[in-house]
Amino acid sequence: MAKVEIYTWQACPFCIRAKALLNKKGVKYEEHSIDGDQSAHMAMSNRAEGRRTVPQIFIDDKGIGGCDELHDLDRSNQLDTMLGLVS
């Protein structure tokens, strides 16, 4: 299974939606809650090639974007392969 990381804010509806999709698929992920932590937010932005919005999602250390991109990958049947759920 792929290594999944997600940068979130606690009350962010997009973060909640992205985590719900990952949970529905039974994917374990490492959550980095960056609420109010400017240095963590800056580190996320640097890692995400300048993107500053949350969530920012990484699959096997590759930034895929946020909630919309995660759901787009799911709709196009690419997400399960990226997550290692199918071969």
C-alpha atoms as a PDB file:
ATOM      1  CA  MET A   1       0.000   0.000   0.000  1.00  0.00           C
ATOM      2  CA  ALA A   2       1.165   3.512  -0.771  1.00  0.00           C
ATOM      3  CA  LYS A   3       2.370   5.991   1.832  1.00  0.00           C
ATOM      4  CA  VAL A   4      -0.270   8.730   2.121  1.00  0.00           C
ATOM      5  CA  GLU A   5       0.156  12.044   3.925  1.00  0.00           C
ATOM      6  CA  ILE A   6      -2.402  14.805   4.238  1.00  0.00           C
ATOM      7  CA  TYR A   7      -1.913  18.325   5.586  1.00  0.00           C
ATOM      8  CA  THR A   8      -5.090  19.619   7.210  1.00  0.00           C
ATOM      9  CA  TRP A   9      -6.824  22.219   9.312  1.00  0.00           C
ATOM     10  CA  GLN A  10      -9.253  20.825  11.854  1.00  0.00           C
ATOM     11  CA  ALA A  11     -12.414  22.654  10.688  1.00  0.00           C
ATOM     12  CA  CYS A  12     -11.666  22.629   6.946  1.00  0.00           C
ATOM     13  CA  PRO A  13     -14.605  21.051   5.063  1.00  0.00           C
ATOM     14  CA  PHE A  14     -12.355  20.063   2.145  1.00  0.00           C
ATOM     15  CA  CYS A  15      -9.959  18.311   4.542  1.00  0.00           C
ATOM     16  CA  ILE A  16     -12.859  16.444   6.127  1.00  0.00           C
ATOM     17  CA  ARG A  17     -14.146  15.414   2.687  1.00  0.00           C
ATOM     18  CA  ALA A  18     -10.711  14.203   1.513  1.00  0.00           C
ATOM     19  CA  LYS A  19     -10.168  12.185   4.702  1.00  0.00           C
ATOM     20  CA  ALA A  20     -13.662  10.688   4.336  1.00  0.00           C
ATOM     21  CA  LEU A  21     -12.777   9.347   0.876  1.00  0.00           C
ATOM     22  CA  LEU A  22      -9.502   7.877   2.145  1.00  0.00           C
ATOM     23  CA  ASN A  23     -11.298   6.358   5.142  1.00  0.00           C
ATOM     24  CA  LYS A  24     -13.997   4.885   2.872  1.00  0.00           C
ATOM     25  CA  LYS A  25     -11.254   3.157   0.875  1.00  0.00           C
ATOM     26  CA  GLY A  26      -9.631   1.868   4.075  1.00  0.00           C
ATOM     27  CA  VAL A  27      -6.431   3.808   3.423  1.00  0.00           C
ATOM     28  CA  LYS A  28      -4.136   4.523   6.343  1.00  0.00           C
ATOM     29  CA  TYR A  29      -2.646   7.997   6.181  1.00  0.00           C
ATOM     30  CA  GLU A  30      -0.450  10.284   8.208  1.00  0.00           C
ATOM     31  CA  GLU A  31      -2.245  13.507   9.056  1.00  0.00           C
ATOM     32  CA  HIS A  32      -0.311  16.718   9.636  1.00  0.00           C
ATOM     33  CA  SER A  33      -2.657  19.142  11.376  1.00  0.00           C
ATOM     34  CA  ILE A  34      -1.185  22.593  10.793  1.00  0.00           C
ATOM     35  CA  ASP A  35      -3.839  24.750  12.519  1.00  0.00           C
ATOM     36  CA  GLY A  36      -2.209  28.016  13.576  1.00  0.00           C
ATOM     37  CA  ASP A  37       1.337  26.738  12.998  1.00  0.00           C
ATOM     38  CA  GLN A  38       2.942  29.153  10.524  1.00  0.00           C
ATOM     39  CA  SER A  39       6.214  27.226  10.275  1.00  0.00           C
ATOM     40  CA  ALA A  40       4.346  23.982   9.500  1.00  0.00           C
ATOM     41  CA  HIS A  41       2.192  25.830   6.958  1.00  0.00           C
ATOM     42  CA  MET A  42       5.327  27.211   5.279  1.00  0.00           C
ATOM     43  CA  ALA A  43       6.935  23.742   5.254  1.00  0.00           C
ATOM     44  CA  MET A  44       3.789  22.322   3.633  1.00  0.00           C
ATOM     45  CA  SER A  45       3.775  25.085   1.039  1.00  0.00           C
ATOM     46  CA  ASN A  46       7.427  24.469   0.181  1.00  0.00           C
ATOM     47  CA  ARG A  47       6.780  20.766  -0.180  1.00  0.00           C
ATOM     48  CA  ALA A  48       3.643  21.428  -2.263  1.00  0.00           C
ATOM     49  CA  GLU A  49       5.493  23.611  -4.786  1.00  0.00           C
ATOM     50  CA  GLY A  50       4.034  26.841  -3.425  1.00  0.00           C
ATOM     51  CA  ARG A  51       0.442  25.725  -2.936  1.00  0.00           C
ATOM     52  CA  ARG A  52      -0.855  27.140   0.343  1.00  0.00           C
ATOM     53  CA  THR A  53      -4.381  25.752   0.559  1.00  0.00           C
ATOM     54  CA  VAL A  54      -5.402  22.731   2.574  1.00  0.00           C
ATOM     55  CA  PRO A  55      -5.657  19.907   2.259  1.00  0.00           C
ATOM     56  CA  GLN A  56      -2.435  19.066   0.493  1.00  0.00           C
ATOM     57  CA  ILE A  57      -2.170  15.355  -0.201  1.00  0.00           C
ATOM     58  CA  PHE A  58       0.944  13.330  -0.964  1.00  0.00           C
ATOM     59  CA  ILE A  59       0.963   9.766  -2.232  1.00  0.00           C
ATOM     60  CA  ASP A  60       4.388   8.136  -2.060  1.00  0.00           C
ATOM     61  CA  ASP A  61       5.890  11.630  -1.562  1.00  0.00           C
ATOM     62  CA  LYS A  62       4.308  12.947  -4.762  1.00  0.00           C
ATOM     63  CA  GLY A  63       2.018  15.942  -4.302  1.00  0.00           C
ATOM     64  CA  ILE A  64      -1.326  15.300  -5.961  1.00  0.00           C
ATOM     65  CA  GLY A  65      -3.002  18.533  -4.847  1.00  0.00           C
ATOM     66  CA  GLY A  66      -6.065  18.866  -2.687  1.00  0.00           C
ATOM     67  CA  CYS A  67      -9.548  17.475  -2.215  1.00  0.00           C
ATOM     68  CA  ASP A  68     -10.778  18.196  -5.741  1.00  0.00           C
ATOM     69  CA  GLU A  69      -7.754  16.515  -7.307  1.00  0.00           C
ATOM     70  CA  LEU A  70      -8.163  13.498  -5.013  1.00  0.00           C
ATOM     71  CA  HIS A  71     -11.786  13.083  -6.079  1.00  0.00           C
ATOM     72  CA  ASP A  72     -10.864  13.640  -9.749  1.00  0.00           C
ATOM     73  CA  LEU A  73      -8.341  10.798  -9.491  1.00  0.00           C
ATOM     74  CA  ASP A  74     -11.023   8.611  -7.938  1.00  0.00           C
ATOM     75  CA  ARG A  75     -13.567   9.416 -10.666  1.00  0.00           C
ATOM     76  CA  SER A  76     -11.012   8.659 -13.387  1.00  0.00           C
ATOM     77  CA  ASN A  77     -10.215   5.287 -11.765  1.00  0.00           C
ATOM     78  CA  GLN A  78      -6.567   6.232 -11.153  1.00  0.00           C
ATOM     79  CA  LEU A  79      -6.668   6.631  -7.372  1.00  0.00           C
ATOM     80  CA  ASP A  80      -6.947   2.959  -6.439  1.00  0.00           C
ATOM     81  CA  THR A  81      -3.877   2.153  -8.541  1.00  0.00           C
ATOM     82  CA  MET A  82      -1.896   5.029  -7.022  1.00  0.00           C
ATOM     83  CA  LEU A  83      -2.865   3.847  -3.548  1.00  0.00           C
ATOM     84  CA  GLY A  84      -1.829   0.274  -4.311  1.00  0.00           C
ATOM     85  CA  LEU A  85      -5.355  -1.048  -3.850  1.00  0.00           C
ATOM     86  CA  VAL A  86      -5.285  -2.705  -7.308  1.00  0.00           C
ATOM     87  CA  SER A  87      -2.455  -3.860  -9.528  1.00  0.00           C
END
